[in-house]
């Protein structure tokens, strides 16, 4: 009789905006292995630099770089100015990955006109009084669209309380394609718990009633292959097939009546 597969305990945390950053490899490994982004080799520096195959995008992960550990820069293209986004170190990697997955998906059109608020409204987020923004149901996250004479920015801020410092911020600067911001807000609104290790060290709200922490016993092979499966799935993405052109209709027989 075959033996039972080895099982391991995995911690799952909800809501994800209070779950801590998670494993950066969830973002960086698929970009390199599935999407062909190249990286430098500087073992003396605690940072990761990844550039897209066409050299138009650069992802920088530098834990020593103040509060915003992650920065994604995209150069100007025909019809679209340069844009950039940044994420704090405690930003859940699942939400960052949603942005990079959308950016690298051959089926994504950056020209898509999408409302980043829509996924949040569908998830029951409520309006911020006197501002263009929405609060999460627990009141810990605020997503707002800030437009001034000089800038147009989308900002997501998470804090344990109104008077406390932000745990993390995500900033989408002017000209960032709305379809990428919507990918982020859709992942942020997802209520599915996320796996986290070393809870007391990595989860900012650990030990409070603000999070739900559960343990699940899962096959060790399933846990070990999660990242590999993600890489494989992203590598298998293909562009959407073009809509076939219909053959032109033959002209009608005989003269047409003119009005």
Protein backbone atom coordinates (compact mmCIF):
# COMPACT_ATOMS: atom_id res chain seq x y z
CA UNK A 1 0.00 0.00 0.00
CA UNK A 2 1.53 3.34 -1.00
CA UNK A 3 2.59 5.61 1.82
CA UNK A 4 0.75 8.81 2.71
CA UNK A 5 2.49 11.87 1.26
CA UNK A 6 4.33 14.04 3.75
CA UNK A 7 2.16 16.87 5.05
CA UNK A 8 3.21 20.33 6.22
CA UNK A 9 1.40 23.07 8.12
CA UNK A 10 0.88 26.28 6.16
CA UNK A 11 -0.23 29.53 7.76
CA UNK A 12 -2.94 31.50 5.97
CA UNK A 13 -3.76 35.11 6.83
CA UNK A 14 -6.72 37.34 6.02
CA UNK A 15 -7.25 40.12 5.11
CA UNK A 16 -4.32 40.15 2.77
CA UNK A 17 -3.61 43.87 3.16
CA UNK A 18 -2.52 43.13 6.76
CA UNK A 19 -0.68 39.91 5.94
CA UNK A 20 2.75 41.43 5.26
CA UNK A 21 4.79 41.38 2.10
CA UNK A 22 5.33 37.66 1.59
CA UNK A 23 7.96 36.03 -0.63
CA UNK A 24 9.38 38.48 -3.25
CA UNK A 25 10.15 35.48 -5.45
CA UNK A 26 6.43 35.26 -6.21
CA UNK A 27 7.03 38.34 -8.38
CA UNK A 28 10.66 38.16 -9.47
CA UNK A 29 11.06 34.46 -10.35
CA UNK A 30 8.18 34.33 -12.87
CA UNK A 31 9.31 37.60 -14.47
CA UNK A 32 12.73 36.06 -15.11
CA UNK A 33 11.83 32.47 -15.93
CA UNK A 34 8.41 32.81 -17.58
CA UNK A 35 8.54 36.30 -19.08
CA UNK A 36 12.19 36.54 -20.11
CA UNK A 37 13.14 39.53 -17.97
CA UNK A 38 16.90 39.70 -17.52
CA UNK A 39 18.75 40.50 -14.32
CA UNK A 40 22.17 41.74 -13.39
CA UNK A 41 24.56 39.87 -11.15
CA UNK A 42 25.74 42.03 -8.28
CA UNK A 43 26.01 39.78 -5.20
CA UNK A 44 27.45 42.62 -3.11
CA UNK A 45 24.27 44.69 -3.34
CA UNK A 46 21.02 43.73 -1.54
CA UNK A 47 18.83 44.53 -4.52
CA UNK A 48 17.22 42.97 -7.57
CA UNK A 49 17.07 44.64 -10.98
CA UNK A 50 14.98 43.06 -13.72
CA UNK A 51 14.50 44.49 -17.22
CA UNK A 52 11.94 43.46 -19.81
CA UNK A 53 13.11 41.78 -23.03
CA UNK A 54 12.40 44.95 -25.03
CA UNK A 55 14.17 47.09 -22.41
CA UNK A 56 11.12 49.32 -21.92
CA UNK A 57 10.42 48.30 -18.31
CA UNK A 58 12.65 48.02 -15.26
CA UNK A 59 11.68 46.50 -11.92
CA UNK A 60 13.81 47.42 -8.93
CA UNK A 61 13.56 45.73 -5.52
CA UNK A 62 15.78 47.35 -2.92
CA UNK A 63 14.92 46.80 0.75
CA UNK A 64 17.27 49.59 1.82
CA UNK A 65 15.52 52.14 -0.37
CA UNK A 66 13.38 53.87 2.27
CA UNK A 67 9.78 52.74 2.64
CA UNK A 68 9.12 52.01 -1.03
CA UNK A 69 11.04 48.81 -1.66
CA UNK A 70 9.59 48.12 -5.09
CA UNK A 71 9.71 50.42 -8.13
CA UNK A 72 8.53 49.67 -11.65
CA UNK A 73 9.49 52.15 -14.38
CA UNK A 74 8.32 52.10 -17.97
CA UNK A 75 9.78 54.26 -20.71
CA UNK A 76 7.71 56.34 -23.08
CA UNK A 77 6.22 54.64 -26.10
CA UNK A 78 4.43 55.92 -29.16
CA UNK A 79 1.22 57.48 -27.94
CA UNK A 80 1.96 56.90 -24.23
CA UNK A 81 4.29 58.90 -21.93
CA UNK A 82 6.60 57.24 -19.42
CA UNK A 83 5.03 56.01 -16.18
CA UNK A 84 6.06 54.42 -12.90
CA UNK A 85 4.64 52.70 -9.84
CA UNK A 86 6.08 51.93 -6.42
CA UNK A 87 5.18 49.67 -3.50
CA UNK A 88 6.17 49.60 0.16
CA UNK A 89 7.97 46.60 1.61
CA UNK A 90 4.84 45.32 3.37
CA UNK A 91 2.71 45.45 0.22
CA UNK A 92 1.40 41.90 -0.35
CA UNK A 93 3.32 40.29 -3.18
CA UNK A 94 0.04 38.93 -4.52
CA UNK A 95 -1.08 42.47 -5.38
CA UNK A 96 2.28 43.40 -6.92
CA UNK A 97 2.23 40.20 -8.96
CA UNK A 98 -1.21 41.12 -10.27
CA UNK A 99 0.34 44.25 -11.82
CA UNK A 100 3.38 42.51 -13.33
CA UNK A 101 1.22 39.61 -14.56
CA UNK A 102 -1.10 42.03 -16.35
CA UNK A 103 1.82 43.99 -17.79
CA UNK A 104 3.46 40.86 -19.23
CA UNK A 105 0.25 39.17 -20.41
CA UNK A 106 0.19 39.12 -24.22
CA UNK A 107 -3.59 39.44 -24.05
CA UNK A 108 -3.48 42.70 -22.06
CA UNK A 109 -4.05 45.93 -23.94
CA UNK A 110 -2.63 48.89 -22.05
CA UNK A 111 -5.08 51.09 -23.92
CA UNK A 112 -8.04 49.42 -22.20
CA UNK A 113 -10.25 51.99 -20.49
CA UNK A 114 -10.89 50.42 -17.06
CA UNK A 115 -12.18 51.93 -13.82
CA UNK A 116 -9.82 50.91 -10.97
CA UNK A 117 -12.61 51.56 -8.46
CA UNK A 118 -14.93 48.96 -9.96
CA UNK A 119 -13.39 45.87 -8.27
CA UNK A 120 -13.45 47.67 -4.92
CA UNK A 121 -17.07 48.75 -5.26
CA UNK A 122 -18.02 45.20 -6.20
CA UNK A 123 -16.32 44.02 -2.99
CA UNK A 124 -18.28 46.42 -0.79
CA UNK A 125 -15.72 49.17 -0.26
CA UNK A 126 -17.31 52.44 0.86
CA UNK A 127 -16.71 56.04 -0.28
CA UNK A 128 -14.35 58.37 1.55
CA UNK A 129 -16.27 61.42 2.70
CA UNK A 130 -15.12 64.59 0.97
CA UNK A 131 -12.55 62.89 -1.26
CA UNK A 132 -12.27 60.84 -4.41
CA UNK A 133 -11.54 57.54 -2.74
CA UNK A 134 -12.78 54.30 -1.16
CA UNK A 135 -12.23 52.61 2.22
CA UNK A 136 -11.93 48.86 2.72
CA UNK A 137 -14.72 47.25 4.78
CA UNK A 138 -12.43 47.10 7.84
CA UNK A 139 -11.36 50.73 7.38
CA UNK A 140 -7.64 49.87 7.21
CA UNK A 141 -7.03 50.59 3.51
CA UNK A 142 -7.78 53.76 1.61
CA UNK A 143 -7.53 53.91 -2.17
CA UNK A 144 -7.80 57.38 -3.65
CA UNK A 145 -7.38 59.17 -6.95
CA UNK A 146 -5.55 62.45 -6.39
CA UNK A 147 -5.61 64.93 -9.25
CA UNK A 148 -3.95 68.32 -8.97
CA UNK A 149 -2.78 70.82 -11.51
CA UNK A 150 0.60 69.13 -11.74
CA UNK A 151 -0.09 65.43 -11.21
CA UNK A 152 -2.56 62.58 -11.46
CA UNK A 153 -1.84 59.83 -8.92
CA UNK A 154 -3.58 56.74 -7.58
CA UNK A 155 -2.58 55.99 -3.99
CA UNK A 156 -3.35 53.01 -1.75
CA UNK A 157 -2.49 53.42 1.94
CA UNK A 158 -2.80 50.80 4.68
CA UNK A 159 -2.56 51.63 8.40
CA UNK A 160 -3.73 49.95 11.60
CA UNK A 161 -5.35 53.16 12.82
CA UNK A 162 -6.08 56.76 11.71
CA UNK A 163 -3.21 58.23 13.72
CA UNK A 164 -0.65 55.49 12.99
CA UNK A 165 2.05 55.44 10.36
CA UNK A 166 1.17 53.62 7.14
CA UNK A 167 2.16 49.97 7.04
CA UNK A 168 2.57 50.26 3.29
CA UNK A 169 1.66 52.45 0.36
CA UNK A 170 1.29 51.75 -3.33
CA UNK A 171 1.60 54.68 -5.71
CA UNK A 172 0.63 54.70 -9.39
CA UNK A 173 1.95 57.88 -10.93
CA UNK A 174 0.60 59.84 -13.83
CA UNK A 175 0.05 57.98 -17.12
CA UNK A 176 0.09 54.52 -15.50
CA UNK A 177 -2.34 52.46 -17.64
CA UNK A 178 -5.65 52.12 -15.75
CA UNK A 179 -5.81 48.43 -16.66
CA UNK A 180 -2.75 47.84 -14.46
CA UNK A 181 -4.20 49.84 -11.56
CA UNK A 182 -7.40 47.83 -11.88
CA UNK A 183 -5.39 44.59 -11.74
CA UNK A 184 -3.95 45.82 -8.45
CA UNK A 185 -7.30 46.84 -6.95
CA UNK A 186 -8.86 43.54 -8.04
CA UNK A 187 -6.14 41.61 -6.20
CA UNK A 188 -6.41 43.95 -3.21
CA UNK A 189 -10.17 43.36 -2.98
CA UNK A 190 -9.75 39.59 -3.08
CA UNK A 191 -10.82 38.18 0.29
CA UNK A 192 -8.94 34.88 -0.13
CA UNK A 193 -6.36 34.35 2.64
CA UNK A 194 -2.71 34.28 1.62
CA UNK A 195 0.09 31.99 2.88
CA UNK A 196 2.67 33.50 5.18
CA UNK A 197 5.61 32.13 7.18
CA UNK A 198 7.16 33.35 10.43
CA UNK A 199 3.99 35.20 11.35
CA UNK A 200 5.25 37.12 14.36
CA UNK A 201 8.06 38.63 12.29
CA UNK A 202 6.34 39.27 8.96
CA UNK A 203 2.70 40.06 9.69
CA UNK A 204 2.30 43.62 11.01
CA UNK A 205 -1.02 42.91 12.74
CA UNK A 206 0.01 39.56 14.23
CA UNK A 207 -1.40 39.04 17.71
CA UNK A 208 -4.32 41.42 17.14
CA UNK A 209 -7.97 40.84 16.34
CA UNK A 210 -7.51 42.56 13.00
CA UNK A 211 -6.44 39.39 11.20
CA UNK A 212 -7.64 35.83 10.92
CA UNK A 213 -4.82 33.31 11.17
CA UNK A 214 -5.47 29.68 10.32
CA UNK A 215 -3.27 26.67 9.70
CA UNK A 216 -3.92 24.14 6.98
CA UNK A 217 -2.21 20.80 6.54
CA UNK A 218 -1.22 20.45 2.91
CA UNK A 219 0.90 17.94 0.98
CA UNK A 220 4.53 19.02 1.06
CA UNK A 221 4.79 18.46 -2.69
CA UNK A 222 1.90 20.84 -3.34
CA UNK A 223 3.50 23.56 -1.25
CA UNK A 224 6.93 23.06 -2.81
CA UNK A 225 5.58 23.16 -6.37
CA UNK A 226 3.35 26.25 -6.00
CA UNK A 227 5.90 28.67 -7.45
CA UNK A 228 6.91 26.25 -10.19
CA UNK A 229 3.27 25.85 -11.20
CA UNK A 230 2.88 29.61 -11.31
CA UNK A 231 5.94 29.96 -13.55
CA UNK A 232 4.62 27.28 -15.88
CA UNK A 233 1.17 28.82 -16.12
CA UNK A 234 2.56 32.26 -16.98
CA UNK A 235 4.97 30.81 -19.53
CA UNK A 236 2.08 29.12 -21.33
CA UNK A 237 0.12 32.32 -21.88
CA UNK A 238 -0.51 33.11 -25.51
CA UNK A 239 -1.80 36.21 -27.27
CA UNK A 240 -5.51 36.27 -27.94
CA UNK A 241 -6.13 35.12 -31.52
CA UNK A 242 -7.13 38.00 -33.80
CA UNK A 243 -10.76 38.25 -34.74
CA UNK A 244 -11.13 36.62 -38.15
CA UNK A 245 -12.06 38.99 -40.91
CA UNK A 246 -15.35 38.25 -42.57
CA UNK A 247 -15.19 38.01 -46.35
CA UNK A 248 -16.82 40.98 -48.07
CA UNK A 249 -20.39 40.44 -49.14
CA UNK A 250 -20.88 40.18 -52.90
CA UNK A 251 -22.58 43.18 -54.46
CA UNK A 252 -26.33 42.78 -54.94
CA UNK A 253 -27.53 41.71 -58.33
CA UNK A 254 -29.01 44.49 -60.40
CA UNK A 255 -29.04 48.23 -59.75
CA UNK A 256 -29.84 49.59 -56.27
CA UNK A 257 -32.57 52.11 -55.76
CA UNK A 258 -31.22 55.54 -54.87
CA UNK A 259 -33.17 57.66 -52.35
